[in-house]
Each structure stands twice: as C-alpha cells, then as structure tokens.
C-alpha cells in the first residue's frame, strides 16, 4: 500500500490522503490530491510528467518535481552544470521534507515501522486515523 498526501506548506497540516495499491503510479493520483487553490506543487520523481497530463492543463501551478538522478549524471560530477542541478535538487528536497514529517510521526511515534498486509481498506483506515492524530 502507498499513501499519497497533500500537505500545506505553511502549516504542515495534511489536506488530503489517498491510499492506493503499490502498483498504481504516483502521477495518476495528483488530480485527486490537489484542491485547486495551490500555486506551487512539489513532488518526488514518481510525479514526473504531472504538468503534462490533460487533467492539469488549466491549472496555474508552478511544478517542482524532483529530477531523476540519471537525467543529470551524464554531465559528470566535476562539471558546473552537474553542480548547479544538484543544488536545485537539494532545494527541492528541502521543500519535500515538509511532506515527509507526517510519515515520520506515524512510523516512529506510533510504531508502524513495519507494516504487514492487512488488506487495503484496513490499512487506509488506519493511516487516515493516524494522519489525523499526527496533525
């Protein structure tokens, strides 16, 4: 099971939570996560191509999706372009850290480091409950 969440950048509060099977692509869930009032969307490399999807054609959003490491490794670690792209990706990772905090609260504080298969519906219900507790 995968959990996809939408977190407010200013407060760190979770707006929406979607649970899917592990074989569902991350990029297909973006339209269900966004509420329509955001001006900036940040995601990991699993959300690559979200801006090009037809359901986001009318959105006025700045997309900050992480680049896959293979996209800039071709330049070599000593090149200026490689170093610049690494700094940009580092800045994007700092923004994504706000989204990871609720997952850390659930995993560490509530003892869910290992999740055993209990069915998709039960896991989603448990994650929603824990997300509300985590803030």
Protein backbone atom coordinates (compact mmCIF):
# COMPACT_ATOMS: atom_id res chain seq x y z
CA UNK A 1 0.00 0.00 0.00
CA UNK A 2 1.08 3.54 -0.78
CA UNK A 3 -0.24 6.67 0.84
CA UNK A 4 -0.30 9.92 -1.15
CA UNK A 5 -0.77 13.10 0.86
CA UNK A 6 -1.24 16.81 0.19
CA UNK A 7 0.37 18.98 2.87
CA UNK A 8 0.01 22.73 3.39
CA UNK A 9 3.47 24.30 3.08
CA UNK A 10 2.87 26.99 5.71
CA UNK A 11 1.29 24.92 8.48
CA UNK A 12 2.40 21.36 7.68
CA UNK A 13 -1.19 20.11 8.04
CA UNK A 14 -2.43 17.31 5.82
CA UNK A 15 -5.19 18.41 3.39
CA UNK A 16 -5.91 15.09 1.73
CA UNK A 17 -4.87 11.47 1.93
CA UNK A 18 -5.28 8.83 -0.74
CA UNK A 19 -4.32 5.20 -0.33
CA UNK A 20 -3.62 3.02 -3.34
CA UNK A 21 -2.18 -0.36 -4.12
CA UNK A 22 1.60 -0.39 -4.52
CA UNK A 23 1.42 -0.99 -8.29
CA UNK A 24 -0.51 2.25 -9.00
CA UNK A 25 1.66 5.03 -10.46
CA UNK A 26 2.07 8.12 -8.29
CA UNK A 27 1.45 10.53 -11.16
CA UNK A 28 -2.12 9.23 -11.65
CA UNK A 29 -3.17 10.44 -8.19
CA UNK A 30 -2.14 14.10 -8.47
CA UNK A 31 -5.52 15.37 -9.65
CA UNK A 32 -7.20 13.86 -6.57
CA UNK A 33 -4.66 15.40 -4.19
CA UNK A 34 -4.72 18.99 -5.40
CA UNK A 35 -7.60 21.10 -4.12
CA UNK A 36 -7.39 23.85 -6.75
CA UNK A 37 -6.13 26.79 -4.68
CA UNK A 38 -2.44 25.89 -4.66
CA UNK A 39 0.11 27.93 -6.57
CA UNK A 40 3.07 25.57 -6.10
CA UNK A 41 3.18 21.76 -6.27
CA UNK A 42 6.20 19.80 -5.06
CA UNK A 43 6.73 16.08 -5.62
CA UNK A 44 9.34 13.38 -5.84
CA UNK A 45 10.48 11.72 -9.06
CA UNK A 46 7.40 9.48 -9.10
CA UNK A 47 5.33 12.52 -10.11
CA UNK A 48 7.43 13.27 -13.20
CA UNK A 49 5.19 14.37 -16.06
CA UNK A 50 2.30 15.56 -13.87
CA UNK A 51 2.32 19.00 -15.50
CA UNK A 52 1.87 17.45 -18.97
CA UNK A 53 -1.22 15.40 -18.08
CA UNK A 54 -4.51 16.61 -19.62
CA UNK A 55 -6.30 16.99 -16.27
CA UNK A 56 -3.80 19.71 -15.25
CA UNK A 57 -3.91 21.73 -18.47
CA UNK A 58 -5.94 24.59 -16.95
CA UNK A 59 -4.07 24.80 -13.64
CA UNK A 60 -1.83 27.78 -12.94
CA UNK A 61 0.66 25.88 -10.78
CA UNK A 62 4.44 26.01 -10.50
CA UNK A 63 5.56 22.37 -10.62
CA UNK A 64 8.73 21.48 -8.67
CA UNK A 65 9.10 17.79 -9.38
CA UNK A 66 12.38 16.11 -8.49
CA UNK A 67 14.55 15.11 -11.40
CA UNK A 68 15.69 11.54 -11.69
CA UNK A 69 19.44 11.33 -10.90
CA UNK A 70 20.13 9.76 -14.29
CA UNK A 71 18.95 12.96 -16.00
CA UNK A 72 21.95 14.99 -14.82
CA UNK A 73 24.61 12.35 -14.20
CA UNK A 74 25.51 12.43 -17.88
CA UNK A 75 27.39 15.72 -17.33
CA UNK A 76 29.96 14.25 -14.93
CA UNK A 77 30.38 15.17 -11.29
CA UNK A 78 33.04 17.82 -11.98
CA UNK A 79 31.01 19.89 -14.43
CA UNK A 80 29.42 23.20 -13.49
CA UNK A 81 26.05 22.13 -14.88
CA UNK A 82 26.03 19.00 -12.71
CA UNK A 83 26.81 21.04 -9.59
CA UNK A 84 24.08 23.59 -10.41
CA UNK A 85 21.47 20.87 -10.97
CA UNK A 86 22.48 19.19 -7.67
CA UNK A 87 21.91 22.48 -5.82
CA UNK A 88 18.48 22.88 -7.43
CA UNK A 89 17.53 19.32 -6.48
CA UNK A 90 18.76 19.94 -2.93
CA UNK A 91 16.45 22.96 -2.65
CA UNK A 92 13.52 20.89 -3.94
CA UNK A 93 14.31 18.17 -1.38
CA UNK A 94 14.14 20.71 1.43
CA UNK A 95 10.59 21.61 0.34
CA UNK A 96 9.59 17.93 0.17
CA UNK A 97 10.77 17.42 3.75
CA UNK A 98 7.55 19.08 4.99
CA UNK A 99 5.54 16.29 3.41
CA UNK A 100 7.70 13.59 4.96
CA UNK A 101 7.15 14.79 8.54
CA UNK A 102 3.65 13.27 8.95
CA UNK A 103 5.03 9.94 7.72
CA UNK A 104 7.80 10.13 10.31
CA UNK A 105 5.27 10.78 13.06
CA UNK A 106 3.25 7.73 12.07
CA UNK A 107 6.19 5.39 11.59
CA UNK A 108 8.27 6.27 14.64
CA UNK A 109 5.86 7.52 17.27
CA UNK A 110 3.05 5.08 16.60
CA UNK A 111 5.25 2.05 16.00
CA UNK A 112 4.43 1.48 12.32
CA UNK A 113 7.95 0.97 11.02
CA UNK A 114 6.94 -2.45 9.72
CA UNK A 115 3.53 -2.66 8.11
CA UNK A 116 2.10 -6.09 7.50
CA UNK A 117 -0.50 -6.74 4.83
CA UNK A 118 -3.96 -6.50 6.38
CA UNK A 119 -5.94 -5.52 3.34
CA UNK A 120 -6.04 -2.22 1.52
CA UNK A 121 -9.20 -0.92 3.20
CA UNK A 122 -7.93 -1.62 6.73
CA UNK A 123 -4.55 -0.03 6.05
CA UNK A 124 -6.16 3.07 4.54
CA UNK A 125 -8.48 3.44 7.54
CA UNK A 126 -5.56 3.11 9.94
CA UNK A 127 -3.48 5.65 8.00
CA UNK A 128 -6.32 8.18 7.96
CA UNK A 129 -6.75 7.80 11.70
CA UNK A 130 -3.03 8.20 12.33
CA UNK A 131 -2.75 11.16 9.95
CA UNK A 132 -5.40 12.98 11.96
CA UNK A 133 -3.53 12.21 15.18
CA UNK A 134 -0.25 13.36 13.69
CA UNK A 135 -1.70 16.75 12.77
